[in-house]
Amino acid sequence: MRVKIDPDICTGCELCVTTCPEVYKMEGDKSIVIANPVPRDAEASCRKAVEECPVEAIIIVEE
């Protein structure tokens, strides 16, 4: 599983970073992906972050 964040949509709310710090971190006022592919033990929390993103800026890219 891989994920992408659309920087044009991301509002920097930090929800994904709080939910799954293994995969996301803040860089300036936007979130970035720091683990691609997503580690298997972080897939559930990563998917939760995708579902909870208020602006739908995170996209799952299944492999």
PDB file of N, CA and C in Angstrom:
ATOM      1  N   MET A   1       0.845  -1.178   0.000  1.00  0.00           N
ATOM      2  CA  MET A   1       0.000   0.000   0.000  1.00  0.00           C
ATOM      3  C   MET A   1       0.892   1.243   0.000  1.00  0.00           C
ATOM      4  N   ARG A   2       0.523   2.192  -0.845  1.00  0.00           N
ATOM      5  CA  ARG A   2       1.231   3.466  -0.903  1.00  0.00           C
ATOM      6  C   ARG A   2       0.191   4.581  -0.754  1.00  0.00           C
ATOM      7  N   VAL A   3       0.633   5.742  -0.312  1.00  0.00           N
ATOM      8  CA  VAL A   3      -0.260   6.883  -0.189  1.00  0.00           C
ATOM      9  C   VAL A   3       0.390   8.125  -0.779  1.00  0.00           C
ATOM     10  N   LYS A   4      -0.458   9.057  -1.184  1.00  0.00           N
ATOM     11  CA  LYS A   4      -0.004  10.355  -1.689  1.00  0.00           C
ATOM     12  C   LYS A   4      -0.848  11.427  -1.011  1.00  0.00           C
ATOM     13  N   ILE A   5      -0.252  12.586  -0.821  1.00  0.00           N
ATOM     14  CA  ILE A   5      -0.983  13.738  -0.305  1.00  0.00           C
ATOM     15  C   ILE A   5      -0.961  14.817  -1.379  1.00  0.00           C
ATOM     16  N   ASP A   6      -2.120  15.340  -1.683  1.00  0.00           N
ATOM     17  CA  ASP A   6      -2.202  16.434  -2.649  1.00  0.00           C
ATOM     18  C   ASP A   6      -1.909  17.735  -1.901  1.00  0.00           C
ATOM     19  N   PRO A   7      -0.748  18.339  -2.131  1.00  0.00           N
ATOM     20  CA  PRO A   7      -0.380  19.542  -1.388  1.00  0.00           C
ATOM     21  C   PRO A   7      -1.272  20.741  -1.689  1.00  0.00           C
ATOM     22  N   ASP A   8      -1.960  20.709  -2.829  1.00  0.00           N
ATOM     23  CA  ASP A   8      -2.859  21.802  -3.175  1.00  0.00           C
ATOM     24  C   ASP A   8      -4.159  21.746  -2.374  1.00  0.00           C
ATOM     25  N   ILE A   9      -4.469  20.560  -1.838  1.00  0.00           N
ATOM     26  CA  ILE A   9      -5.702  20.381  -1.071  1.00  0.00           C
ATOM     27  C   ILE A   9      -5.428  20.384   0.429  1.00  0.00           C
ATOM     28  N   CYS A  10      -4.289  19.869   0.848  1.00  0.00           N
ATOM     29  CA  CYS A  10      -3.948  19.749   2.273  1.00  0.00           C
ATOM     30  C   CYS A  10      -4.049  21.107   2.968  1.00  0.00           C
ATOM     31  N   THR A  11      -4.730  21.122   4.108  1.00  0.00           N
ATOM     32  CA  THR A  11      -4.894  22.357   4.879  1.00  0.00           C
ATOM     33  C   THR A  11      -3.963  22.402   6.084  1.00  0.00           C
ATOM     34  N   GLY A  12      -3.196  21.327   6.292  1.00  0.00           N
ATOM     35  CA  GLY A  12      -2.260  21.306   7.415  1.00  0.00           C
ATOM     36  C   GLY A  12      -2.922  21.149   8.769  1.00  0.00           C
ATOM     37  N   CYS A  13      -4.029  20.438   8.820  1.00  0.00           N
ATOM     38  CA  CYS A  13      -4.758  20.282  10.081  1.00  0.00           C
ATOM     39  C   CYS A  13      -4.048  19.349  11.063  1.00  0.00           C
ATOM     40  N   GLU A  14      -3.093  18.575  10.578  1.00  0.00           N
ATOM     41  CA  GLU A  14      -2.278  17.647  11.371  1.00  0.00           C
ATOM     42  C   GLU A  14      -3.010  16.395  11.853  1.00  0.00           C
ATOM     43  N   LEU A  15      -4.230  16.183  11.412  1.00  0.00           N
ATOM     44  CA  LEU A  15      -4.979  15.008  11.844  1.00  0.00           C
ATOM     45  C   LEU A  15      -4.279  13.714  11.427  1.00  0.00           C
ATOM     46  N   CYS A  16      -3.745  13.673  10.216  1.00  0.00           N
ATOM     47  CA  CYS A  16      -3.070  12.461   9.752  1.00  0.00           C
ATOM     48  C   CYS A  16      -1.796  12.197  10.566  1.00  0.00           C
ATOM     49  N   VAL A  17      -1.089  13.258  10.909  1.00  0.00           N
ATOM     50  CA  VAL A  17       0.139  13.121  11.697  1.00  0.00           C
ATOM     51  C   VAL A  17      -0.184  12.573  13.083  1.00  0.00           C
ATOM     52  N   THR A  18      -1.259  13.051  13.665  1.00  0.00           N
ATOM     53  CA  THR A  18      -1.687  12.578  14.987  1.00  0.00           C
ATOM     54  C   THR A  18      -2.144  11.124  14.919  1.00  0.00           C
ATOM     55  N   THR A  19      -2.858  10.771  13.849  1.00  0.00           N
ATOM     56  CA  THR A  19      -3.412   9.429  13.698  1.00  0.00           C
ATOM     57  C   THR A  19      -2.356   8.398  13.315  1.00  0.00           C
ATOM     58  N   CYS A  20      -1.409   8.778  12.473  1.00  0.00           N
ATOM     59  CA  CYS A  20      -0.424   7.823  11.960  1.00  0.00           C
ATOM     60  C   CYS A  20       0.948   8.488  11.779  1.00  0.00           C
ATOM     61  N   PRO A  21       1.647   8.758  12.880  1.00  0.00           N
ATOM     62  CA  PRO A  21       2.951   9.431  12.775  1.00  0.00           C
ATOM     63  C   PRO A  21       4.030   8.587  12.113  1.00  0.00           C
ATOM     64  N   GLU A  22       3.773   7.299  11.934  1.00  0.00           N
ATOM     65  CA  GLU A  22       4.733   6.429  11.252  1.00  0.00           C
ATOM     66  C   GLU A  22       4.795   6.736   9.755  1.00  0.00           C
ATOM     67  N   VAL A  23       3.736   7.347   9.228  1.00  0.00           N
ATOM     68  CA  VAL A  23       3.629   7.568   7.790  1.00  0.00           C
ATOM     69  C   VAL A  23       3.623   9.050   7.407  1.00  0.00           C
ATOM     70  N   TYR A  24       3.084   9.889   8.271  1.00  0.00           N
ATOM     71  CA  TYR A  24       2.926  11.305   7.951  1.00  0.00           C
ATOM     72  C   TYR A  24       3.700  12.192   8.917  1.00  0.00           C
ATOM     73  N   LYS A  25       4.157  13.343   8.406  1.00  0.00           N
ATOM     74  CA  LYS A  25       4.735  14.363   9.276  1.00  0.00           C
ATOM     75  C   LYS A  25       4.480  15.720   8.640  1.00  0.00           C
ATOM     76  N   MET A  26       4.562  16.735   9.464  1.00  0.00           N
ATOM     77  CA  MET A  26       4.376  18.092   8.968  1.00  0.00           C
ATOM     78  C   MET A  26       5.689  18.616   8.408  1.00  0.00           C
ATOM     79  N   GLU A  27       5.585  19.310   7.297  1.00  0.00           N
ATOM     80  CA  GLU A  27       6.722  20.018   6.723  1.00  0.00           C
ATOM     81  C   GLU A  27       6.190  21.403   6.368  1.00  0.00           C
ATOM     82  N   GLY A  28       6.553  22.368   7.185  1.00  0.00           N
ATOM     83  CA  GLY A  28       5.962  23.690   7.040  1.00  0.00           C
ATOM     84  C   GLY A  28       4.502  23.615   7.442  1.00  0.00           C
ATOM     85  N   ASP A  29       3.629  24.089   6.576  1.00  0.00           N
ATOM     86  CA  ASP A  29       2.199  24.084   6.891  1.00  0.00           C
ATOM     87  C   ASP A  29       1.431  22.991   6.148  1.00  0.00           C
ATOM     88  N   LYS A  30       2.156  21.989   5.645  1.00  0.00           N
ATOM     89  CA  LYS A  30       1.526  20.873   4.925  1.00  0.00           C
ATOM     90  C   LYS A  30       2.028  19.546   5.482  1.00  0.00           C
ATOM     91  N   SER A  31       1.229  18.520   5.327  1.00  0.00           N
ATOM     92  CA  SER A  31       1.633  17.170   5.708  1.00  0.00           C
ATOM     93  C   SER A  31       2.355  16.522   4.530  1.00  0.00           C
ATOM     94  N   ILE A  32       3.334  15.696   4.837  1.00  0.00           N
ATOM     95  CA  ILE A  32       4.029  14.928   3.801  1.00  0.00           C
ATOM     96  C   ILE A  32       4.065  13.459   4.205  1.00  0.00           C
ATOM     97  N   VAL A  33       4.283  12.603   3.236  1.00  0.00           N
ATOM     98  CA  VAL A  33       4.412  11.164   3.470  1.00  0.00           C
ATOM     99  C   VAL A  33       5.885  10.857   3.697  1.00  0.00           C
ATOM    100  N   ILE A  34       6.175  10.152   4.797  1.00  0.00           N
ATOM    101  CA  ILE A  34       7.563   9.811   5.116  1.00  0.00           C
ATOM    102  C   ILE A  34       7.846   8.320   4.996  1.00  0.00           C
ATOM    103  N   ALA A  35       6.815   7.514   4.720  1.00  0.00           N
ATOM    104  CA  ALA A  35       7.009   6.067   4.583  1.00  0.00           C
ATOM    105  C   ALA A  35       6.165   5.553   3.429  1.00  0.00           C
ATOM    106  N   ASN A  36       6.828   5.252   2.312  1.00  0.00           N
ATOM    107  CA  ASN A  36       6.145   4.711   1.143  1.00  0.00           C
ATOM    108  C   ASN A  36       7.013   3.612   0.574  1.00  0.00           C
ATOM    109  N   PRO A  37       6.611   2.373   0.573  1.00  0.00           N
ATOM    110  CA  PRO A  37       5.274   1.934   0.943  1.00  0.00           C
ATOM    111  C   PRO A  37       5.025   2.037   2.448  1.00  0.00           C
ATOM    112  N   VAL A  38       3.750   2.032   2.799  1.00  0.00           N
ATOM    113  CA  VAL A  38       3.333   2.098   4.192  1.00  0.00           C
ATOM    114  C   VAL A  38       3.713   0.781   4.878  1.00  0.00           C
ATOM    115  N   PRO A  39       4.372   0.837   6.036  1.00  0.00           N
ATOM    116  CA  PRO A  39       4.678  -0.405   6.756  1.00  0.00           C
ATOM    117  C   PRO A  39       3.389  -1.162   7.086  1.00  0.00           C
ATOM    118  N   ARG A  40       3.443  -2.469   6.968  1.00  0.00           N
ATOM    119  CA  ARG A  40       2.235  -3.281   7.192  1.00  0.00           C
ATOM    120  C   ARG A  40       1.598  -3.006   8.558  1.00  0.00           C
ATOM    121  N   ASP A  41       2.415  -2.821   9.580  1.00  0.00           N
ATOM    122  CA  ASP A  41       1.859  -2.600  10.924  1.00  0.00           C
ATOM    123  C   ASP A  41       1.242  -1.208  11.087  1.00  0.00           C
ATOM    124  N   ALA A  42       1.389  -0.345  10.090  1.00  0.00           N
ATOM    125  CA  ALA A  42       0.804   0.993  10.138  1.00  0.00           C
ATOM    126  C   ALA A  42      -0.351   1.156   9.144  1.00  0.00           C
ATOM    127  N   GLU A  43      -0.688   0.112   8.412  1.00  0.00           N
ATOM    128  CA  GLU A  43      -1.724   0.240   7.384  1.00  0.00           C
ATOM    129  C   GLU A  43      -3.076   0.621   7.958  1.00  0.00           C
ATOM    130  N   ALA A  44      -3.472   0.047   9.082  1.00  0.00           N
ATOM    131  CA  ALA A  44      -4.787   0.348   9.663  1.00  0.00           C
ATOM    132  C   ALA A  44      -4.873   1.814  10.079  1.00  0.00           C
ATOM    133  N   SER A  45      -3.864   2.311  10.768  1.00  0.00           N
ATOM    134  CA  SER A  45      -3.906   3.710  11.203  1.00  0.00           C
ATOM    135  C   SER A  45      -3.753   4.648  10.001  1.00  0.00           C
ATOM    136  N   CYS A  46      -3.033   4.228   8.997  1.00  0.00           N
ATOM    137  CA  CYS A  46      -2.891   5.021   7.787  1.00  0.00           C
ATOM    138  C   CYS A  46      -4.239   5.154   7.075  1.00  0.00           C
ATOM    139  N   ARG A  47      -4.968   4.052   6.957  1.00  0.00           N
ATOM    140  CA  ARG A  47      -6.298   4.085   6.336  1.00  0.00           C
ATOM    141  C   ARG A  47      -7.255   4.962   7.142  1.00  0.00           C
ATOM    142  N   LYS A  48      -7.136   4.903   8.477  1.00  0.00           N
ATOM    143  CA  LYS A  48      -7.970   5.741   9.335  1.00  0.00           C
ATOM    144  C   LYS A  48      -7.689   7.213   9.050  1.00  0.00           C
ATOM    145  N   ALA A  49      -6.433   7.566   8.877  1.00  0.00           N
ATOM    146  CA  ALA A  49      -6.068   8.948   8.560  1.00  0.00           C
ATOM    147  C   ALA A  49      -6.665   9.371   7.223  1.00  0.00           C
ATOM    148  N   VAL A  50      -6.645   8.468   6.242  1.00  0.00           N
ATOM    149  CA  VAL A  50      -7.231   8.764   4.930  1.00  0.00           C
ATOM    150  C   VAL A  50      -8.728   9.041   5.088  1.00  0.00           C
ATOM    151  N   GLU A  51      -9.405   8.188   5.842  1.00  0.00           N
ATOM    152  CA  GLU A  51     -10.854   8.329   6.023  1.00  0.00           C
ATOM    153  C   GLU A  51     -11.209   9.599   6.785  1.00  0.00           C
ATOM    154  N   GLU A  52     -10.361   9.999   7.729  1.00  0.00           N
ATOM    155  CA  GLU A  52     -10.676  11.141   8.582  1.00  0.00           C
ATOM    156  C   GLU A  52     -10.199  12.481   8.025  1.00  0.00           C
ATOM    157  N   CYS A  53      -9.424  12.479   6.953  1.00  0.00           N
ATOM    158  CA  CYS A  53      -8.934  13.734   6.385  1.00  0.00           C
ATOM    159  C   CYS A  53     -10.134  14.604   5.996  1.00  0.00           C
ATOM    160  N   PRO A  54     -10.261  15.787   6.592  1.00  0.00           N
ATOM    161  CA  PRO A  54     -11.454  16.596   6.338  1.00  0.00           C
ATOM    162  C   PRO A  54     -11.559  17.155   4.922  1.00  0.00           C
ATOM    163  N   VAL A  55     -10.452  17.180   4.192  1.00  0.00           N
ATOM    164  CA  VAL A  55     -10.492  17.712   2.825  1.00  0.00           C
ATOM    165  C   VAL A  55     -10.165  16.655   1.766  1.00  0.00           C
ATOM    166  N   GLU A  56     -10.039  15.400   2.200  1.00  0.00           N
ATOM    167  CA  GLU A  56      -9.761  14.271   1.296  1.00  0.00           C
ATOM    168  C   GLU A  56      -8.499  14.494   0.473  1.00  0.00           C
ATOM    169  N   ALA A  57      -7.440  14.969   1.142  1.00  0.00           N
ATOM    170  CA  ALA A  57      -6.173  15.250   0.464  1.00  0.00           C
ATOM    171  C   ALA A  57      -5.281  14.020   0.328  1.00  0.00           C
ATOM    172  N   ILE A  58      -5.602  12.945   1.046  1.00  0.00           N
ATOM    173  CA  ILE A  58      -4.760  11.750   1.028  1.00  0.00           C
ATOM    174  C   ILE A  58      -5.394  10.703   0.118  1.00  0.00           C
ATOM    175  N   ILE A  59      -4.575  10.145  -0.745  1.00  0.00           N
ATOM    176  CA  ILE A  59      -5.036   9.154  -1.719  1.00  0.00           C
ATOM    177  C   ILE A  59      -4.267   7.854  -1.505  1.00  0.00           C
ATOM    178  N   ILE A  60      -5.001   6.745  -1.405  1.00  0.00           N
ATOM    179  CA  ILE A  60      -4.376   5.426  -1.298  1.00  0.00           C
ATOM    180  C   ILE A  60      -4.085   4.919  -2.706  1.00  0.00           C
ATOM    181  N   VAL A  61      -2.871   4.425  -2.886  1.00  0.00           N
ATOM    182  CA  VAL A  61      -2.475   3.829  -4.161  1.00  0.00           C
ATOM    183  C   VAL A  61      -2.168   2.368  -3.858  1.00  0.00           C
ATOM    184  N   GLU A  62      -3.125   1.491  -4.155  1.00  0.00           N
ATOM    185  CA  GLU A  62      -2.938   0.065  -3.892  1.00  0.00           C
ATOM    186  C   GLU A  62      -1.926  -0.515  -4.858  1.00  0.00           C
ATOM    187  N   GLU A  63      -1.134  -1.441  -4.344  1.00  0.00           N
ATOM    188  CA  GLU A  63      -0.129  -2.091  -5.191  1.00  0.00           C
ATOM    189  C   GLU A  63      -0.568  -3.463  -5.594  1.00  0.00           C
TER     190      GLU A  63
END
